[in-house]
Amino acid sequence: MSASSDGAVIRLLIADDQALVRGALGALLDLEPDLAVVGMAADGAEAVRLAEDLRPDVCLMDIQMPGMDGVEATRRIREASPATRVLVVTTFARPGYLRSALDSGASGFIVKDTPAEQLAEAVRRVHSGLRVLDPALAAEGLFDGANPLSERERQVLRLAADGRSAAAIAAEVFLSAGTVRNHLSAAIGKTGAANRAQAVRIALDKGWI
């Protein structure tokens, strides 16, 4: 299938923290006559730098990467290179991630076990201006509410996921231990959890943190 009406090759940037995944995606997509991988990034910050330098047509973006994650990288790429479309390709099929990715400017969201032909077609569709969503995840996401947690609640829950005490979290975020406990209590209530650990699990499952 032609990439565009003038037959131009679609230039791709692949961002994933796993070298094996980057290589596999690149090898698969380079087999398509209308697709060409022009850059690879191991984290979000590198993806933003390469997008600014290379101005790719489409960036295939992982969600969970060290440092800057895929959601923030997507937002920055869309600001730095508005013509670059972002297709999120992730292992983490969670409605919260889908919503966050779309809110940050992504044009598509699919999972990594998508067959190669469907992945290539998703790239073409995103490049043409269409939105591509994993069908099952999109349907689930329609009925899954927006992230109810505030930025501060997300922050303290992420730190609580490591098993830190309220005092340790307080020292990290420059708040009092009482304020941290209040944020944790609010997060527990909003997630419908019975305790802090369960709130962390629920928030992770839904892609809220």
C-alpha atoms as a PDB file:
ATOM      1  CA  MET A   1       0.000   0.000   0.000  1.00  0.00           C
ATOM      2  CA  SER A   2       1.265   3.463  -0.829  1.00  0.00           C
ATOM      3  CA  ALA A   3       2.044   5.671   2.155  1.00  0.00           C
ATOM      4  CA  SER A   4       0.574   8.746   0.558  1.00  0.00           C
ATOM      5  CA  SER A   5      -0.817  10.013  -2.695  1.00  0.00           C
ATOM      6  CA  ASP A   6       2.667  10.925  -3.945  1.00  0.00           C
ATOM      7  CA  GLY A   7       4.176   7.591  -2.864  1.00  0.00           C
ATOM      8  CA  ALA A   8       6.528   9.157  -0.321  1.00  0.00           C
ATOM      9  CA  VAL A   9       8.154   6.882   2.242  1.00  0.00           C
ATOM     10  CA  ILE A  10       6.899   7.296   5.817  1.00  0.00           C
ATOM     11  CA  ARG A  11       9.862   8.111   8.088  1.00  0.00           C
ATOM     12  CA  LEU A  12       9.702   6.442  11.506  1.00  0.00           C
ATOM     13  CA  LEU A  13      11.211   7.012  14.945  1.00  0.00           C
ATOM     14  CA  ILE A  14      11.004   4.125  17.441  1.00  0.00           C
ATOM     15  CA  ALA A  15      11.162   4.828  21.179  1.00  0.00           C
ATOM     16  CA  ASP A  16      11.426   1.856  23.548  1.00  0.00           C
ATOM     17  CA  ASP A  17      13.731   1.186  26.492  1.00  0.00           C
ATOM     18  CA  GLN A  18      14.258  -2.461  25.487  1.00  0.00           C
ATOM     19  CA  ALA A  19      16.894  -2.809  22.778  1.00  0.00           C
ATOM     20  CA  LEU A  20      15.448  -6.123  21.605  1.00  0.00           C
ATOM     21  CA  VAL A  21      12.013  -4.583  21.102  1.00  0.00           C
ATOM     22  CA  ARG A  22      13.453  -1.574  19.271  1.00  0.00           C
ATOM     23  CA  GLY A  23      15.399  -3.848  16.983  1.00  0.00           C
ATOM     24  CA  ALA A  24      12.489  -6.172  16.306  1.00  0.00           C
ATOM     25  CA  LEU A  25      10.059  -3.359  15.528  1.00  0.00           C
ATOM     26  CA  GLY A  26      12.622  -1.681  13.311  1.00  0.00           C
ATOM     27  CA  ALA A  27      13.383  -4.856  11.397  1.00  0.00           C
ATOM     28  CA  LEU A  28       9.696  -5.627  10.848  1.00  0.00           C
ATOM     29  CA  LEU A  29       8.759  -2.157   9.689  1.00  0.00           C
ATOM     30  CA  ASP A  30      11.818  -1.736   7.460  1.00  0.00           C
ATOM     31  CA  LEU A  31      10.558  -4.719   5.448  1.00  0.00           C
ATOM     32  CA  GLU A  32       7.654  -2.567   4.246  1.00  0.00           C
ATOM     33  CA  PRO A  33       8.540  -0.705   1.019  1.00  0.00           C
ATOM     34  CA  ASP A  34       6.754   2.459   2.106  1.00  0.00           C
ATOM     35  CA  LEU A  35       8.209   2.616   5.656  1.00  0.00           C
ATOM     36  CA  ALA A  36      11.730   3.578   6.760  1.00  0.00           C
ATOM     37  CA  VAL A  37      13.123   3.711  10.308  1.00  0.00           C
ATOM     38  CA  VAL A  38      15.288   6.842  10.607  1.00  0.00           C
ATOM     39  CA  GLY A  39      15.946   6.824  14.358  1.00  0.00           C
ATOM     40  CA  MET A  40      15.711   4.832  17.575  1.00  0.00           C
ATOM     41  CA  ALA A  41      15.487   6.110  21.154  1.00  0.00           C
ATOM     42  CA  ALA A  42      15.991   4.279  24.459  1.00  0.00           C
ATOM     43  CA  ASP A  43      13.930   6.696  26.562  1.00  0.00           C
ATOM     44  CA  GLY A  44      11.496   9.575  26.337  1.00  0.00           C
ATOM     45  CA  ALA A  45      14.068  12.356  26.537  1.00  0.00           C
ATOM     46  CA  GLU A  46      16.088  10.872  23.679  1.00  0.00           C
ATOM     47  CA  ALA A  47      12.874  10.457  21.662  1.00  0.00           C
ATOM     48  CA  VAL A  48      12.123  14.167  22.041  1.00  0.00           C
ATOM     49  CA  ARG A  49      15.654  15.132  20.984  1.00  0.00           C
ATOM     50  CA  LEU A  50      15.550  12.874  17.936  1.00  0.00           C
ATOM     51  CA  ALA A  51      12.080  14.061  16.955  1.00  0.00           C
ATOM     52  CA  GLU A  52      13.337  17.653  16.999  1.00  0.00           C
ATOM     53  CA  ASP A  53      16.382  16.737  14.908  1.00  0.00           C
ATOM     54  CA  LEU A  54      14.855  14.249  12.472  1.00  0.00           C
ATOM     55  CA  ARG A  55      11.246  15.473  12.181  1.00  0.00           C
ATOM     56  CA  PRO A  56       9.922  11.928  11.547  1.00  0.00           C
ATOM     57  CA  ASP A  57       6.449  11.382  10.118  1.00  0.00           C
ATOM     58  CA  VAL A  58       5.465   8.891  12.827  1.00  0.00           C
ATOM     59  CA  CYS A  59       6.961   8.053  16.222  1.00  0.00           C
ATOM     60  CA  LEU A  60       6.222   4.625  17.716  1.00  0.00           C
ATOM     61  CA  MET A  61       6.239   5.276  21.446  1.00  0.00           C
ATOM     62  CA  ASP A  62       6.450   2.962  24.452  1.00  0.00           C
ATOM     63  CA  ILE A  63       4.664   4.083  27.642  1.00  0.00           C
ATOM     64  CA  GLN A  64       6.838   2.946  30.538  1.00  0.00           C
ATOM     65  CA  MET A  65      10.446   4.077  30.102  1.00  0.00           C
ATOM     66  CA  PRO A  66      13.043   5.319  32.593  1.00  0.00           C
ATOM     67  CA  GLY A  67      13.145   9.043  33.228  1.00  0.00           C
ATOM     68  CA  MET A  68      10.618  10.712  30.968  1.00  0.00           C
ATOM     69  CA  ASP A  69       7.750   8.322  30.227  1.00  0.00           C
ATOM     70  CA  GLY A  70       5.981   7.922  26.906  1.00  0.00           C
ATOM     71  CA  VAL A  71       3.034  10.135  27.831  1.00  0.00           C
ATOM     72  CA  GLU A  72       5.219  13.151  28.637  1.00  0.00           C
ATOM     73  CA  ALA A  73       7.466  12.431  25.634  1.00  0.00           C
ATOM     74  CA  THR A  74       4.396  12.359  23.379  1.00  0.00           C
ATOM     75  CA  ARG A  75       3.277  15.734  24.674  1.00  0.00           C
ATOM     76  CA  ARG A  76       6.699  17.270  24.102  1.00  0.00           C
ATOM     77  CA  ILE A  77       7.118  15.764  20.638  1.00  0.00           C
ATOM     78  CA  ARG A  78       3.750  17.118  19.570  1.00  0.00           C
ATOM     79  CA  GLU A  79       4.838  20.558  20.775  1.00  0.00           C
ATOM     80  CA  ALA A  80       8.311  20.411  19.203  1.00  0.00           C
ATOM     81  CA  SER A  81       7.338  18.731  15.929  1.00  0.00           C
ATOM     82  CA  PRO A  82       3.568  19.120  15.337  1.00  0.00           C
ATOM     83  CA  ALA A  83       3.725  17.273  12.012  1.00  0.00           C
ATOM     84  CA  THR A  84       5.000  14.128  13.764  1.00  0.00           C
ATOM     85  CA  ARG A  85       2.195  11.703  14.602  1.00  0.00           C
ATOM     86  CA  VAL A  86       2.627   9.468  17.645  1.00  0.00           C
ATOM     87  CA  LEU A  87       1.510   5.838  17.762  1.00  0.00           C
ATOM     88  CA  VAL A  88       1.787   4.316  21.235  1.00  0.00           C
ATOM     89  CA  VAL A  89       2.894   0.667  21.112  1.00  0.00           C
ATOM     90  CA  THR A  90       2.914  -0.829  24.575  1.00  0.00           C
ATOM     91  CA  THR A  91       2.768  -3.996  26.645  1.00  0.00           C
ATOM     92  CA  PHE A  92       0.606  -2.228  29.211  1.00  0.00           C
ATOM     93  CA  ALA A  93      -2.942  -2.475  27.888  1.00  0.00           C
ATOM     94  CA  ARG A  94      -4.641  -0.291  30.499  1.00  0.00           C
ATOM     95  CA  PRO A  95      -7.530   2.130  29.891  1.00  0.00           C
ATOM     96  CA  GLY A  96      -5.856   4.810  31.990  1.00  0.00           C
ATOM     97  CA  TYR A  97      -2.780   4.714  29.762  1.00  0.00           C
ATOM     98  CA  LEU A  98      -4.991   4.927  26.675  1.00  0.00           C
ATOM     99  CA  ARG A  99      -6.729   8.009  27.985  1.00  0.00           C
ATOM    100  CA  SER A 100      -3.459   9.643  29.101  1.00  0.00           C
ATOM    101  CA  ALA A 101      -1.810   8.932  25.755  1.00  0.00           C
ATOM    102  CA  LEU A 102      -4.683  10.424  23.776  1.00  0.00           C
ATOM    103  CA  ASP A 103      -4.836  13.437  26.072  1.00  0.00           C
ATOM    104  CA  SER A 104      -1.133  14.041  25.441  1.00  0.00           C
ATOM    105  CA  GLY A 105      -1.662  14.103  21.673  1.00  0.00           C
ATOM    106  CA  ALA A 106      -1.122  10.506  20.533  1.00  0.00           C
ATOM    107  CA  SER A 107      -2.961   9.481  17.358  1.00  0.00           C
ATOM    108  CA  GLY A 108      -3.034   5.775  18.136  1.00  0.00           C
ATOM    109  CA  PHE A 109      -2.652   3.168  20.877  1.00  0.00           C
ATOM    110  CA  ILE A 110      -1.993  -0.512  20.196  1.00  0.00           C
ATOM    111  CA  VAL A 111      -0.376  -3.400  22.066  1.00  0.00           C
ATOM    112  CA  LYS A 112       2.992  -4.941  21.226  1.00  0.00           C
ATOM    113  CA  ASP A 113       1.600  -8.350  20.283  1.00  0.00           C
ATOM    114  CA  THR A 114      -0.248  -6.788  17.337  1.00  0.00           C
ATOM    115  CA  PRO A 115       0.618  -8.759  14.153  1.00  0.00           C
ATOM    116  CA  ALA A 116       3.260  -7.118  11.951  1.00  0.00           C
ATOM    117  CA  GLU A 117       0.855  -6.421   9.082  1.00  0.00           C
ATOM    118  CA  GLN A 118      -1.611  -4.712  11.416  1.00  0.00           C
ATOM    119  CA  LEU A 119       1.187  -2.675  12.991  1.00  0.00           C
ATOM    120  CA  ALA A 120       2.346  -1.437   9.592  1.00  0.00           C
ATOM    121  CA  GLU A 121      -1.219  -0.584   8.638  1.00  0.00           C
ATOM    122  CA  ALA A 122      -1.671   1.273  11.938  1.00  0.00           C
ATOM    123  CA  VAL A 123       1.384   3.376  11.086  1.00  0.00           C
ATOM    124  CA  ARG A 124      -0.079   4.208   7.678  1.00  0.00           C
ATOM    125  CA  ARG A 125      -3.448   5.110   9.127  1.00  0.00           C
ATOM    126  CA  VAL A 126      -1.946   7.353  11.794  1.00  0.00           C
ATOM    127  CA  HIS A 127       0.235   9.033   9.171  1.00  0.00           C
ATOM    128  CA  SER A 128      -2.839   9.723   7.043  1.00  0.00           C
ATOM    129  CA  GLY A 129      -4.474  11.565   9.939  1.00  0.00           C
ATOM    130  CA  LEU A 130      -6.693   8.795  11.275  1.00  0.00           C
ATOM    131  CA  ARG A 131      -6.895   7.581  14.865  1.00  0.00           C
ATOM    132  CA  VAL A 132      -6.028   3.943  15.586  1.00  0.00           C
ATOM    133  CA  LEU A 133      -7.043   2.297  18.864  1.00  0.00           C
ATOM    134  CA  ASP A 134      -6.809  -1.249  20.153  1.00  0.00           C
ATOM    135  CA  PRO A 135     -10.499  -2.279  19.853  1.00  0.00           C
ATOM    136  CA  ALA A 136     -10.880  -4.128  23.153  1.00  0.00           C
ATOM    137  CA  LEU A 137      -9.027  -1.476  25.107  1.00  0.00           C
ATOM    138  CA  ALA A 138     -10.955   1.363  23.487  1.00  0.00           C
ATOM    139  CA  ALA A 139     -14.263  -0.275  24.392  1.00  0.00           C
ATOM    140  CA  GLU A 140     -13.127  -0.783  27.979  1.00  0.00           C
ATOM    141  CA  GLY A 141     -11.799   2.744  28.145  1.00  0.00           C
ATOM    142  CA  LEU A 142     -15.156   4.194  27.133  1.00  0.00           C
ATOM    143  CA  PHE A 143     -16.646   2.912  30.361  1.00  0.00           C
ATOM    144  CA  ASP A 144     -13.690   3.577  32.592  1.00  0.00           C
ATOM    145  CA  GLY A 145     -13.805   7.010  34.165  1.00  0.00           C
ATOM    146  CA  ALA A 146     -11.131   9.643  33.866  1.00  0.00           C
ATOM    147  CA  ASN A 147      -8.272   9.607  36.352  1.00  0.00           C
ATOM    148  CA  PRO A 148      -9.820  10.895  39.613  1.00  0.00           C
ATOM    149  CA  LEU A 149      -6.483  11.484  41.322  1.00  0.00           C
ATOM    150  CA  SER A 150      -4.873  14.895  41.621  1.00  0.00           C
ATOM    151  CA  GLU A 151      -1.246  15.326  40.564  1.00  0.00           C
ATOM    152  CA  ARG A 152      -0.139  15.379  44.214  1.00  0.00           C
ATOM    153  CA  GLU A 153      -2.157  12.235  44.992  1.00  0.00           C
ATOM    154  CA  ARG A 154      -0.571  10.489  42.020  1.00  0.00           C
ATOM    155  CA  GLN A 155       2.840  11.575  43.241  1.00  0.00           C
ATOM    156  CA  VAL A 156       2.458  10.231  46.768  1.00  0.00           C
ATOM    157  CA  LEU A 157       0.891   6.989  45.529  1.00  0.00           C
ATOM    158  CA  ARG A 158       3.820   6.403  43.172  1.00  0.00           C
ATOM    159  CA  LEU A 159       6.190   6.832  46.114  1.00  0.00           C
ATOM    160  CA  ALA A 160       3.998   4.652  48.338  1.00  0.00           C
ATOM    161  CA  ALA A 161       4.311   1.898  45.736  1.00  0.00           C
ATOM    162  CA  ASP A 162       7.914   1.458  46.883  1.00  0.00           C
ATOM    163  CA  GLY A 163       6.701   0.780  50.418  1.00  0.00           C
ATOM    164  CA  ARG A 164       7.859   4.122  51.819  1.00  0.00           C
ATOM    165  CA  SER A 165       6.381   5.467  55.021  1.00  0.00           C
ATOM    166  CA  ALA A 166       4.413   8.713  55.127  1.00  0.00           C
ATOM    167  CA  ALA A 167       7.416  10.367  56.789  1.00  0.00           C
ATOM    168  CA  ALA A 168       9.764   9.196  54.035  1.00  0.00           C
ATOM    169  CA  ILE A 169       7.353  10.378  51.334  1.00  0.00           C
ATOM    170  CA  ALA A 170       7.001  13.718  53.141  1.00  0.00           C
ATOM    171  CA  ALA A 171      10.752  14.246  53.087  1.00  0.00           C
ATOM    172  CA  GLU A 172      10.835  13.442  49.360  1.00  0.00           C
ATOM    173  CA  VAL A 173       8.098  15.879  48.345  1.00  0.00           C
ATOM    174  CA  PHE A 174       8.733  18.588  50.960  1.00  0.00           C
ATOM    175  CA  LEU A 175       5.376  18.240  52.722  1.00  0.00           C
ATOM    176  CA  SER A 176       4.466  17.405  56.292  1.00  0.00           C
ATOM    177  CA  ALA A 177       3.777  13.778  57.133  1.00  0.00           C
ATOM    178  CA  GLY A 178       0.212  14.753  58.046  1.00  0.00           C
ATOM    179  CA  THR A 179      -0.378  16.305  54.630  1.00  0.00           C
ATOM    180  CA  VAL A 180       1.006  13.198  52.941  1.00  0.00           C
ATOM    181  CA  ARG A 181      -1.321  11.011  55.010  1.00  0.00           C
ATOM    182  CA  ASN A 182      -4.230  13.226  53.934  1.00  0.00           C
ATOM    183  CA  HIS A 183      -3.297  12.805  50.257  1.00  0.00           C
ATOM    184  CA  LEU A 184      -2.977   9.048  50.706  1.00  0.00           C
ATOM    185  CA  SER A 185      -6.342   8.910  52.466  1.00  0.00           C
ATOM    186  CA  ALA A 186      -7.944  10.864  49.632  1.00  0.00           C
ATOM    187  CA  ALA A 187      -6.379   8.536  47.043  1.00  0.00           C
ATOM    188  CA  ILE A 188      -7.634   5.474  48.943  1.00  0.00           C
ATOM    189  CA  GLY A 189     -11.140   6.926  48.939  1.00  0.00           C
ATOM    190  CA  LYS A 190     -11.090   7.873  45.251  1.00  0.00           C
ATOM    191  CA  THR A 191      -9.868   4.436  44.164  1.00  0.00           C
ATOM    192  CA  GLY A 192     -12.375   2.635  46.379  1.00  0.00           C
ATOM    193  CA  ALA A 193      -9.534   0.785  48.051  1.00  0.00           C
ATOM    194  CA  ALA A 194      -9.404  -0.561  51.586  1.00  0.00           C
ATOM    195  CA  ASN A 195      -5.818   0.481  52.244  1.00  0.00           C
ATOM    196  CA  ARG A 196      -2.754   2.134  50.757  1.00  0.00           C
ATOM    197  CA  ALA A 197      -1.369  -1.003  49.115  1.00  0.00           C
ATOM    198  CA  GLN A 198      -4.677  -1.767  47.435  1.00  0.00           C
ATOM    199  CA  ALA A 199      -4.961   1.845  46.237  1.00  0.00           C
ATOM    200  CA  VAL A 200      -1.549   1.517  44.601  1.00  0.00           C
ATOM    201  CA  ARG A 201      -2.562  -1.735  42.864  1.00  0.00           C
ATOM    202  CA  ILE A 202      -5.829  -0.276  41.579  1.00  0.00           C
ATOM    203  CA  ALA A 203      -4.162   2.912  40.351  1.00  0.00           C
ATOM    204  CA  LEU A 204      -1.449   0.905  38.584  1.00  0.00           C
ATOM    205  CA  ASP A 205      -3.981  -1.440  36.965  1.00  0.00           C
ATOM    206  CA  LYS A 206      -5.967   1.485  35.613  1.00  0.00           C
ATOM    207  CA  GLY A 207      -2.895   3.371  34.462  1.00  0.00           C
ATOM    208  CA  TRP A 208      -3.576   6.297  36.821  1.00  0.00           C
ATOM    209  CA  ILE A 209      -0.002   6.396  38.164  1.00  0.00           C
END
